[in-house]
Protein backbone atom coordinates (compact mmCIF):
# COMPACT_ATOMS: atom_id res chain seq x y z
CA UNK A 1 0.00 0.00 0.00
CA UNK A 2 1.49 3.42 -0.97
CA UNK A 3 2.29 5.90 1.78
CA UNK A 4 -0.11 8.83 2.01
CA UNK A 5 1.13 12.40 2.06
CA UNK A 6 1.24 14.11 5.43
CA UNK A 7 -1.60 16.68 5.41
CA UNK A 8 0.25 18.83 7.94
CA UNK A 9 2.78 19.56 5.19
CA UNK A 10 0.18 21.87 3.62
CA UNK A 11 -1.46 25.09 4.83
CA UNK A 12 -4.49 27.10 3.78
CA UNK A 13 -4.39 30.54 2.18
CA UNK A 14 -5.49 31.97 5.52
CA UNK A 15 -2.62 30.21 7.32
CA UNK A 16 -0.14 31.47 4.72
CA UNK A 17 -1.47 35.02 5.17
CA UNK A 18 -0.96 34.69 8.91
CA UNK A 19 2.59 33.41 8.33
CA UNK A 20 3.44 36.48 6.21
CA UNK A 21 1.34 38.90 8.32
CA UNK A 22 -0.56 39.99 5.22
CA UNK A 23 -4.04 39.64 3.75
CA UNK A 24 -5.42 36.58 2.00
CA UNK A 25 -5.73 38.79 -1.12
CA UNK A 26 -1.96 39.29 -1.07
CA UNK A 27 -1.43 35.52 -0.92
CA UNK A 28 -3.85 35.04 -3.82
CA UNK A 29 -1.91 37.67 -5.85
CA UNK A 30 1.39 35.88 -5.12
CA UNK A 31 -0.19 32.63 -6.34
CA UNK A 32 -1.67 34.29 -9.45
CA UNK A 33 1.73 35.81 -10.35
CA UNK A 34 3.43 32.45 -9.89
CA UNK A 35 5.54 33.69 -6.97
CA UNK A 36 3.96 31.19 -4.57
CA UNK A 37 3.14 27.65 -5.64
CA UNK A 38 -0.31 26.34 -4.66
CA UNK A 39 -2.25 23.13 -5.17
CA UNK A 40 -5.95 22.48 -5.59
CA UNK A 41 -7.23 19.72 -3.31
CA UNK A 42 -10.85 19.18 -4.27
CA UNK A 43 -12.30 22.66 -3.99
CA UNK A 44 -9.67 23.91 -1.52
CA UNK A 45 -6.34 25.54 -2.30
CA UNK A 46 -3.34 24.43 -0.26
CA UNK A 47 0.27 25.60 -0.07
CA UNK A 48 3.24 23.45 0.95
CA UNK A 49 4.84 24.68 4.16
CA UNK A 50 8.24 24.35 2.51
CA UNK A 51 7.14 26.75 -0.27
CA UNK A 52 6.31 29.55 2.19
CA UNK A 53 9.94 30.70 2.36
CA UNK A 54 10.52 30.79 -1.41
CA UNK A 55 8.89 34.18 -2.21
CA UNK A 56 10.95 35.91 0.48
CA UNK A 57 13.82 37.97 -0.89
CA UNK A 58 16.23 40.07 1.12
CA UNK A 59 16.05 43.83 0.73
CA UNK A 60 19.33 44.84 -0.85
CA UNK A 61 19.08 48.57 -1.48
CA UNK A 62 17.38 51.73 -0.27
CA UNK A 63 15.09 51.95 -3.33
CA UNK A 64 13.45 48.66 -2.32
CA UNK A 65 12.87 49.92 1.21
CA UNK A 66 11.19 53.06 -0.17
CA UNK A 67 8.85 51.00 -2.34
CA UNK A 68 10.76 50.75 -5.59
CA UNK A 69 10.75 46.96 -5.44
CA UNK A 70 7.31 46.17 -4.08
CA UNK A 71 6.32 42.53 -3.68
CA UNK A 72 2.60 42.76 -3.08
């Protein structure tokens, strides 16, 4: 019998928004732009916990801090 995937490896859009301290709309925009990978499970959308760190990029210059390199 094949091993089943661990469901705790996935989070909801709401959980991802909480992780990033942003709105669920921001998470949906990241998914729509392909910056955050998501999976449809039936009618629900789930995100791998391991994928939550991938859209994060360090701020490297003052222009990004002032809004020149906005993420969401």
